[in-house]
Amino acid sequence: MGQKEPQFMITDQCPAIKKAFPYVFKTARHRYCMWHITQKITDKVGSALCRDTDFLARFNAVVWDPDMEPSEFEEKWQKVISDFQLEDNDWLTTMFDDRHHWIPAYHRDLALGCILRTTQRSESTNSFFKRYENHFGTLVEFWMRFQTAMNQQRYTRRCDDYNSDHSFPELKTELPIEKHGAIIYTHAVFKVFQEEVMAADSCGVDDFEKEEHVRIIHVIDAETDRIFKVRFDLRSTDAVCECKLFERIGLLCRHIVWVYKGKGIGRIPSKYIVDQFRQIVGVLKTLPAEHTEELASLLVEFRQKLCIEPLTKYQEMEILLGCSSSSEVTIHPPEQARNKGSEKRLKLAKQQAIEKAAKPKRLCVYCKERVTHDRKTCPLRIADEAAEKEAKKKKV
């Protein structure tokens, strides 16, 4: 990693790792996997409390909420503990003392700090490679299987890049900022941004403060029933929200989108576009830093003109082949071949009766008539044998 430490690392709640971590990493933050911690709640507080009360629902609402400030979390934690009389629970006391290691409220300033909270990404990677390898292979077999797995990931990545470059996602609003996001972002990132744009319709204003060249807007979020302050600079159009969604995942939140809509800003400012989320990031990385933003704006404008009327699949094929499709069809599909076994199918009772009636009649040895049955299936013989059995029963 070029001797560069990550911002944080997520591990299990292991005392040995906790002790060794500060000796290896000087700036990275050590975090615990929240999933492993929350799985112990039932055993630590008792199954009766979790089953008969709403303790789990209230506990999870406090622990997993990424929009809380640390002071708000501590207040709500103490409220839950006191309501259920868990002040003497040693495990909960220990976990509260270690709250800086696992509660999202203390990692809101980290990129993806409130998104990556468990070791799920590591477990999913292990699960992916397990489909290609086993415990009994040699080192050469492992290397070949590893290369196959990596080729599969690279192929999936190329497919995603191709779809982002040659298709335009469906827009769900008429806001220019949504269209700009569809041009800038990859399809996967745009879906997340589109949810924030759509959620901006449910926002409103609660209060308004004025400072020199700055407006502090109190935005009401109807979905969470909370108020977030957005600090908007009139000169630079910079906006900072208390929810810190941009600081966490690198995308503008619904509250800033709502403010931009009210201010008539239809484009995402360049400082709020993360290079990793761009569709044209590969081109930008090959250029000097002073020309990156200029080229990015030109490519955005060019792509916006191309995406006004996106090409269909057949139009792209015509451009690739250099000719247009003919309106007159001269090549038709061949007639269906009657392969061996194609007539072997279940027939309806009506069709079976018709085929049976069409068969040539033959002489029955028992009834001496020309019919379609033989001696074994002759109705007269079956009736005579039944009458003979009935007569024997009566004699007995």
Protein backbone atom coordinates (compact mmCIF):
# COMPACT_ATOMS: atom_id res chain seq x y z
CA MET A 1 0.00 0.00 0.00
CA GLY A 2 3.02 2.29 -0.42
CA GLN A 3 3.48 2.61 3.37
CA LYS A 4 0.16 4.49 3.51
CA GLU A 5 -2.20 3.52 6.31
CA PRO A 6 -5.96 3.22 5.79
CA GLN A 7 -8.31 5.56 7.59
CA PHE A 8 -9.73 2.73 9.68
CA MET A 9 -9.77 -1.05 9.96
CA ILE A 10 -12.63 -3.30 11.08
CA THR A 11 -11.83 -6.45 13.04
CA ASP A 12 -13.51 -8.79 15.48
CA GLN A 13 -13.60 -7.87 19.15
CA CYS A 14 -10.32 -9.60 19.91
CA PRO A 15 -8.20 -8.47 22.90
CA ALA A 16 -4.96 -9.52 21.18
CA ILE A 17 -5.71 -7.44 18.08
CA LYS A 18 -6.72 -4.47 20.23
CA LYS A 19 -3.40 -4.60 22.06
CA ALA A 20 -1.25 -5.03 18.93
CA PHE A 21 -3.08 -2.51 16.73
CA PRO A 22 -1.46 0.73 18.03
CA TYR A 23 2.02 -0.78 17.63
CA VAL A 24 1.46 -1.42 13.91
CA PHE A 25 -0.82 1.45 12.85
CA LYS A 26 -0.10 4.98 14.01
CA THR A 27 -2.90 6.99 12.34
CA ALA A 28 -5.54 4.42 11.39
CA ARG A 29 -8.57 3.98 13.64
CA HIS A 30 -9.42 0.57 15.03
CA ARG A 31 -13.08 -0.38 14.81
CA TYR A 32 -15.05 -3.38 15.97
CA CYS A 33 -17.48 -5.32 13.80
CA MET A 34 -20.95 -4.21 14.87
CA TRP A 35 -22.56 -7.44 13.70
CA HIS A 36 -20.49 -9.57 16.07
CA ILE A 37 -21.34 -7.24 18.95
CA THR A 38 -25.09 -7.07 18.33
CA GLN A 39 -25.28 -10.86 18.02
CA LYS A 40 -24.30 -11.13 21.71
CA ILE A 41 -27.09 -8.90 23.05
CA THR A 42 -29.58 -11.69 23.66
CA ASP A 43 -27.07 -13.71 25.69
CA LYS A 44 -25.83 -10.70 27.67
CA VAL A 45 -29.16 -9.14 28.69
CA GLY A 46 -31.39 -12.23 28.67
CA SER A 47 -33.74 -13.72 26.10
CA ALA A 48 -36.85 -12.83 28.12
CA LEU A 49 -36.11 -9.10 27.93
CA CYS A 50 -35.51 -9.26 24.18
CA ARG A 51 -38.58 -11.41 23.55
CA ASP A 52 -41.18 -9.75 25.78
CA THR A 53 -40.23 -6.07 25.40
CA ASP A 54 -39.22 -3.63 22.67
CA PHE A 55 -35.66 -3.45 23.99
CA LEU A 56 -34.03 -4.75 20.79
CA ALA A 57 -35.90 -2.29 18.58
CA ARG A 58 -34.94 0.69 20.72
CA PHE A 59 -31.36 -0.52 21.17
CA ASN A 60 -30.83 -0.98 17.42
CA ALA A 61 -32.40 2.40 16.67
CA VAL A 62 -29.81 4.07 18.91
CA VAL A 63 -26.80 2.01 17.88
CA TRP A 64 -27.18 1.87 14.08
CA ASP A 65 -28.36 5.44 13.40
CA PRO A 66 -25.60 7.21 11.36
CA ASP A 67 -27.17 10.69 11.65
CA MET A 68 -26.65 11.05 15.40
CA GLU A 69 -24.08 13.26 16.98
CA PRO A 70 -22.00 11.68 19.80
CA SER A 71 -23.79 13.74 22.47
CA GLU A 72 -27.19 12.68 21.14
CA PHE A 73 -26.13 9.04 21.11
CA GLU A 74 -24.93 9.13 24.71
CA GLU A 75 -28.18 10.73 25.84
CA LYS A 76 -30.36 8.14 24.09
CA TRP A 77 -28.14 5.25 25.25
CA GLN A 78 -28.53 6.28 28.87
CA LYS A 79 -32.29 6.64 28.33
CA VAL A 80 -32.59 3.05 27.06
CA ILE A 81 -30.40 1.69 29.85
CA SER A 82 -32.41 3.45 32.56
CA ASP A 83 -35.80 2.52 31.07
CA PHE A 84 -34.94 -1.18 31.20
CA GLN A 85 -32.93 -0.97 34.46
CA LEU A 86 -29.68 -2.29 32.99
CA GLU A 87 -27.30 -0.04 34.91
CA ASP A 88 -25.67 -3.05 36.60
CA ASN A 89 -25.02 -4.97 33.37
CA ASP A 90 -21.23 -5.21 33.14
CA TRP A 91 -21.18 -6.07 29.42
CA LEU A 92 -23.23 -3.02 28.43
CA THR A 93 -21.03 -0.84 30.62
CA THR A 94 -17.91 -2.19 28.90
CA MET A 95 -19.39 -1.65 25.45
CA PHE A 96 -20.32 1.92 26.34
CA ASP A 97 -16.74 2.56 27.46
CA ASP A 98 -15.55 1.22 24.07
CA ARG A 99 -18.17 3.20 22.12
CA HIS A 100 -15.47 5.01 20.11
CA HIS A 101 -14.53 1.66 18.54
CA TRP A 102 -17.91 0.61 17.13
CA ILE A 103 -20.65 3.27 17.27
CA PRO A 104 -21.16 5.04 13.87
CA ALA A 105 -21.82 8.39 15.59
CA TYR A 106 -18.09 8.65 16.36
CA HIS A 107 -17.02 7.96 12.77
CA ARG A 108 -19.21 10.37 10.84
CA ASP A 109 -16.19 12.36 9.69
CA LEU A 110 -14.58 9.36 7.92
CA ALA A 111 -15.22 8.49 4.30
CA LEU A 112 -17.50 5.42 4.32
CA GLY A 113 -17.22 5.48 8.10
CA CYS A 114 -20.94 4.90 8.57
CA ILE A 115 -21.29 2.50 5.64
CA LEU A 116 -18.51 0.02 6.45
CA ARG A 117 -19.47 -1.10 9.93
CA THR A 118 -19.01 -4.87 9.72
CA THR A 119 -16.58 -7.38 8.25
CA GLN A 120 -19.17 -8.27 5.61
CA ARG A 121 -16.97 -7.07 2.73
CA SER A 122 -14.15 -9.35 3.85
CA GLU A 123 -16.55 -12.27 4.32
CA SER A 124 -18.10 -11.72 0.87
CA THR A 125 -14.62 -11.73 -0.67
CA ASN A 126 -13.83 -15.03 1.05
CA SER A 127 -17.13 -16.46 -0.17
CA PHE A 128 -16.35 -15.37 -3.74
CA PHE A 129 -12.94 -17.06 -3.87
CA LYS A 130 -14.26 -20.23 -2.20
CA ARG A 131 -16.28 -20.90 -5.35
CA TYR A 132 -13.04 -21.31 -7.30
CA GLU A 133 -10.73 -23.15 -4.92
CA ASN A 134 -10.69 -26.08 -2.51
CA HIS A 135 -8.49 -27.27 0.34
CA PHE A 136 -6.99 -30.22 -1.54
CA GLY A 137 -5.41 -28.51 -4.56
CA THR A 138 -1.74 -27.91 -5.21
CA LEU A 139 -0.08 -24.50 -5.34
CA VAL A 140 -0.21 -24.52 -9.16
CA GLU A 141 -3.93 -25.36 -9.12
CA PHE A 142 -4.54 -22.59 -6.61
CA TRP A 143 -2.78 -20.06 -8.83
CA MET A 144 -4.79 -21.11 -11.89
CA ARG A 145 -8.07 -20.94 -9.96
CA PHE A 146 -7.10 -17.55 -8.54
CA GLN A 147 -6.44 -16.24 -12.04
CA THR A 148 -9.85 -17.53 -13.15
CA ALA A 149 -11.55 -15.71 -10.28
CA MET A 150 -9.72 -12.47 -11.06
CA ASN A 151 -10.60 -12.75 -14.75
CA GLN A 152 -14.24 -13.11 -13.76
CA GLN A 153 -14.06 -9.95 -11.66
CA ARG A 154 -12.31 -8.03 -14.44
CA TYR A 155 -14.94 -9.18 -16.94
CA THR A 156 -17.75 -8.03 -14.66
CA ARG A 157 -16.00 -4.68 -14.24
CA ARG A 158 -15.66 -4.26 -18.01
CA CYS A 159 -19.35 -5.07 -18.48
CA ASP A 160 -20.31 -2.43 -15.92
CA ASP A 161 -18.02 0.13 -17.58
CA TYR A 162 -19.50 -0.65 -20.99
CA ASN A 163 -23.06 -0.25 -19.71
CA SER A 164 -22.18 3.08 -18.12
CA ASP A 165 -20.52 4.33 -21.31
CA HIS A 166 -23.14 3.15 -23.81
CA SER A 167 -26.44 3.61 -21.98
CA PHE A 168 -28.25 6.35 -20.11
CA PRO A 169 -30.12 5.63 -16.86
CA GLU A 170 -33.80 6.43 -16.49
CA LEU A 171 -34.49 9.81 -14.91
CA LYS A 172 -37.27 10.02 -12.33
CA THR A 173 -37.44 13.79 -11.83
CA GLU A 174 -37.10 16.86 -14.03
CA LEU A 175 -34.32 18.41 -11.96
CA PRO A 176 -31.22 19.38 -13.96
CA ILE A 177 -28.98 18.21 -11.13
CA GLU A 178 -30.27 14.65 -11.54
CA LYS A 179 -29.46 14.69 -15.26
CA HIS A 180 -26.01 16.05 -14.49
CA GLY A 181 -25.47 13.21 -11.99
CA ALA A 182 -26.54 10.65 -14.61
CA ILE A 183 -23.87 12.03 -16.97
CA ILE A 184 -21.10 12.27 -14.37
CA TYR A 185 -21.55 9.14 -12.24
CA THR A 186 -21.44 5.47 -13.06
CA HIS A 187 -24.78 3.66 -13.03
CA ALA A 188 -24.22 2.06 -9.62
CA VAL A 189 -23.27 5.36 -7.96
CA PHE A 190 -26.04 7.27 -9.74
CA LYS A 191 -28.71 4.98 -8.27
CA VAL A 192 -27.65 6.03 -4.77
CA PHE A 193 -27.54 9.70 -5.76
CA GLN A 194 -30.93 9.41 -7.47
CA GLU A 195 -32.51 8.21 -4.22
CA GLU A 196 -31.25 11.38 -2.50
CA VAL A 197 -32.61 13.55 -5.32
CA MET A 198 -36.03 11.91 -5.08
CA ALA A 199 -36.03 12.20 -1.28
CA ALA A 200 -35.37 15.95 -1.59
CA ASP A 201 -39.04 16.38 -2.59
CA SER A 202 -40.06 15.47 0.96
CA CYS A 203 -37.87 18.14 2.54
CA GLY A 204 -38.96 21.59 3.69
CA VAL A 205 -37.64 24.67 5.49
CA ASP A 206 -38.11 25.24 9.21
CA ASP A 207 -35.94 28.28 9.88
CA PHE A 208 -33.51 30.62 8.16
CA GLU A 209 -30.43 32.45 9.45
CA LYS A 210 -28.40 35.15 7.72
CA GLU A 211 -24.72 35.88 8.05
CA GLU A 212 -22.29 37.75 5.83
CA HIS A 213 -22.28 35.90 2.47
CA VAL A 214 -23.63 32.80 4.28
CA ARG A 215 -27.11 31.39 4.74
CA ILE A 216 -27.89 28.77 7.36
CA ILE A 217 -31.03 26.91 6.32
CA HIS A 218 -32.84 24.55 8.70
CA VAL A 219 -34.12 21.75 6.47
CA ILE A 220 -36.85 19.41 7.69
CA ASP A 221 -36.40 15.78 6.63
CA ALA A 222 -39.90 14.30 6.50
CA GLU A 223 -38.65 10.69 6.35
CA THR A 224 -36.64 10.89 9.57
CA ASP A 225 -38.66 13.73 11.14
CA ARG A 226 -35.46 15.59 11.98
CA ILE A 227 -34.05 19.03 11.23
CA PHE A 228 -30.60 19.44 9.65
CA LYS A 229 -28.74 22.70 9.25
CA VAL A 230 -27.25 23.39 5.80
CA ARG A 231 -24.59 26.09 5.63
CA PHE A 232 -24.64 27.64 2.14
CA ASP A 233 -22.02 30.10 0.87
CA LEU A 234 -23.49 32.62 -1.60
CA ARG A 235 -20.13 33.40 -3.24
CA SER A 236 -18.71 29.91 -3.81
CA THR A 237 -22.01 27.89 -3.72
CA ASP A 238 -20.35 25.59 -1.17
CA ALA A 239 -22.77 23.73 1.07
CA VAL A 240 -22.16 21.75 4.24
CA CYS A 241 -24.88 19.69 5.94
CA GLU A 242 -25.03 18.38 9.48
CA CYS A 243 -25.91 14.88 8.28
CA LYS A 244 -22.37 14.63 6.81
CA LEU A 245 -23.43 12.29 4.03
CA PHE A 246 -20.83 13.74 1.66
CA GLU A 247 -18.09 13.26 4.24
CA ARG A 248 -19.21 9.67 4.75
CA ILE A 249 -19.83 8.36 1.21
CA GLY A 250 -18.86 11.18 -1.14
CA LEU A 251 -22.36 12.06 -2.46
CA LEU A 252 -24.52 15.11 -1.87
CA CYS A 253 -27.36 14.56 0.58
CA ARG A 254 -31.03 15.31 -0.01
CA HIS A 255 -30.82 18.43 2.16
CA ILE A 256 -28.12 20.05 0.02
CA VAL A 257 -29.97 18.99 -3.14
CA TRP A 258 -33.08 20.70 -1.78
CA VAL A 259 -31.11 23.91 -1.12
CA TYR A 260 -29.51 23.78 -4.59
CA LYS A 261 -32.94 23.34 -6.15
CA GLY A 262 -34.18 26.43 -4.35
CA LYS A 263 -31.10 28.42 -5.42
CA GLY A 264 -31.47 27.33 -9.06
CA ILE A 265 -28.20 25.37 -9.16
CA GLY A 266 -28.56 22.59 -11.72
CA ARG A 267 -25.03 21.17 -11.71
CA ILE A 268 -23.04 19.36 -9.06
CA PRO A 269 -20.03 21.53 -8.12
CA SER A 270 -16.73 19.98 -9.16
CA LYS A 271 -15.43 19.87 -5.58
CA TYR A 272 -18.30 17.53 -4.66
CA ILE A 273 -17.56 15.02 -7.45
CA VAL A 274 -15.30 12.21 -6.24
CA ASP A 275 -12.99 10.99 -9.01
CA GLN A 276 -13.59 7.33 -8.17
CA PHE A 277 -17.28 7.77 -8.98
CA ARG A 278 -16.78 9.37 -12.40
CA GLN A 279 -17.39 7.52 -15.64
CA ILE A 280 -14.34 9.20 -17.18
CA VAL A 281 -11.92 8.62 -14.31
CA GLY A 282 -9.60 6.53 -16.51
CA VAL A 283 -9.06 9.41 -18.90
CA LEU A 284 -8.55 11.99 -16.16
CA LYS A 285 -5.84 10.04 -14.36
CA THR A 286 -3.57 10.16 -17.41
CA LEU A 287 -3.54 13.98 -17.54
CA PRO A 288 -1.83 16.67 -15.46
CA ALA A 289 -3.81 17.98 -12.53
CA GLU A 290 -4.14 21.50 -13.96
CA HIS A 291 -6.02 20.17 -17.04
CA THR A 292 -8.20 17.62 -15.27
CA GLU A 293 -11.15 19.83 -14.40
CA GLU A 294 -11.13 21.61 -17.77
CA LEU A 295 -11.25 18.33 -19.68
CA ALA A 296 -13.87 16.93 -17.32
CA SER A 297 -16.22 19.83 -18.03
CA LEU A 298 -15.69 19.46 -21.80
CA LEU A 299 -16.37 15.73 -21.68
CA VAL A 300 -19.49 16.31 -19.59
CA GLU A 301 -20.87 18.78 -22.12
CA PHE A 302 -20.02 16.46 -25.01
CA ARG A 303 -21.59 13.46 -23.30
CA GLN A 304 -24.68 15.49 -22.42
CA LYS A 305 -25.20 16.27 -26.11
CA LEU A 306 -24.78 12.63 -27.02
CA CYS A 307 -27.21 11.47 -24.34
CA ILE A 308 -30.07 13.69 -25.48
CA GLU A 309 -31.04 10.97 -27.94
CA PRO A 310 -29.23 7.78 -26.91
CA LEU A 311 -28.49 5.30 -29.68
CA THR A 312 -30.34 2.02 -29.81
CA LYS A 313 -28.64 -1.34 -30.07
CA TYR A 314 -29.37 -1.63 -33.80
CA GLN A 315 -28.08 1.90 -34.48
CA GLU A 316 -24.80 1.11 -32.73
CA MET A 317 -24.48 -2.09 -34.82
CA GLU A 318 -25.08 -0.11 -38.02
CA ILE A 319 -22.32 2.34 -37.08
CA LEU A 320 -19.97 -0.53 -36.25
CA LEU A 321 -20.65 -2.40 -39.54
CA GLY A 322 -20.75 0.74 -41.67
CA CYS A 323 -24.07 -0.07 -43.33
CA SER A 324 -27.75 0.24 -42.55
CA SER A 325 -30.24 -2.58 -42.24
CA SER A 326 -32.40 -3.30 -45.29
CA SER A 327 -36.15 -2.90 -45.12
CA GLU A 328 -36.65 -5.94 -47.40
CA VAL A 329 -36.13 -9.29 -45.73
CA THR A 330 -34.73 -11.90 -48.12
CA ILE A 331 -33.45 -14.43 -45.60
CA HIS A 332 -36.12 -16.33 -43.71
CA PRO A 333 -35.77 -18.87 -40.91
CA PRO A 334 -35.69 -22.51 -42.06
CA GLU A 335 -38.66 -24.80 -41.72
CA GLN A 336 -38.89 -26.82 -38.55
CA ALA A 337 -37.21 -30.22 -38.90
CA ARG A 338 -39.01 -33.34 -37.68
CA ASN A 339 -36.31 -34.84 -35.52
CA LYS A 340 -36.34 -38.33 -34.08
CA GLY A 341 -38.68 -38.60 -31.13
CA SER A 342 -40.55 -35.41 -31.91
CA GLU A 343 -43.87 -37.33 -32.22
CA LYS A 344 -43.54 -38.97 -28.81
CA ARG A 345 -45.86 -36.94 -26.67
CA LEU A 346 -48.90 -37.41 -24.47
CA LYS A 347 -52.13 -37.48 -26.47
CA LEU A 348 -55.58 -36.38 -25.39
CA ALA A 349 -58.30 -38.98 -24.73
CA LYS A 350 -60.31 -37.69 -27.69
CA GLN A 351 -57.35 -38.11 -30.03
CA GLN A 352 -56.69 -41.61 -28.68
CA ALA A 353 -60.35 -42.58 -29.33
CA ILE A 354 -60.17 -41.26 -32.90
CA GLU A 355 -57.00 -43.21 -33.64
CA LYS A 356 -58.49 -46.34 -32.09
CA ALA A 357 -61.62 -46.08 -34.24
CA ALA A 358 -59.48 -45.64 -37.36
CA LYS A 359 -57.61 -48.93 -36.80
CA PRO A 360 -58.65 -51.90 -39.09
CA LYS A 361 -61.01 -54.38 -37.47
CA ARG A 362 -60.08 -58.04 -36.86
CA LEU A 363 -61.86 -61.29 -35.94
CA CYS A 364 -62.26 -61.91 -32.18
CA VAL A 365 -61.84 -65.61 -31.36
CA TYR A 366 -64.27 -65.40 -28.41
CA CYS A 367 -67.23 -63.43 -29.79
CA LYS A 368 -66.63 -64.45 -33.44
CA GLU A 369 -67.10 -60.87 -34.68
CA ARG A 370 -64.87 -58.41 -36.51
CA VAL A 371 -64.05 -55.75 -33.90
CA THR A 372 -61.07 -53.69 -32.67
CA HIS A 373 -60.41 -55.85 -29.57
CA ASP A 374 -58.93 -59.33 -29.15
CA ARG A 375 -59.80 -62.33 -26.94
CA LYS A 376 -58.05 -60.94 -23.84
CA THR A 377 -59.90 -57.63 -23.95
CA CYS A 378 -63.22 -58.95 -25.26
CA PRO A 379 -66.07 -57.38 -23.22
CA LEU A 380 -68.23 -60.52 -23.68
CA ARG A 381 -65.55 -62.77 -22.21
CA ILE A 382 -65.01 -60.42 -19.26
CA ALA A 383 -68.77 -60.38 -18.57
CA ASP A 384 -69.05 -64.19 -18.77
CA GLU A 385 -66.14 -64.71 -16.39
CA ALA A 386 -67.66 -62.27 -13.90
CA ALA A 387 -71.02 -64.09 -14.04
CA GLU A 388 -69.31 -67.46 -13.57
CA LYS A 389 -67.46 -66.19 -10.45
CA GLU A 390 -70.71 -64.86 -9.00
CA ALA A 391 -72.46 -68.22 -9.53
CA LYS A 392 -69.66 -70.10 -7.73
CA LYS A 393 -69.98 -67.78 -4.74
CA LYS A 394 -73.70 -68.47 -4.44
CA LYS A 395 -73.15 -72.27 -4.47
CA VAL A 396 -70.63 -71.96 -1.66
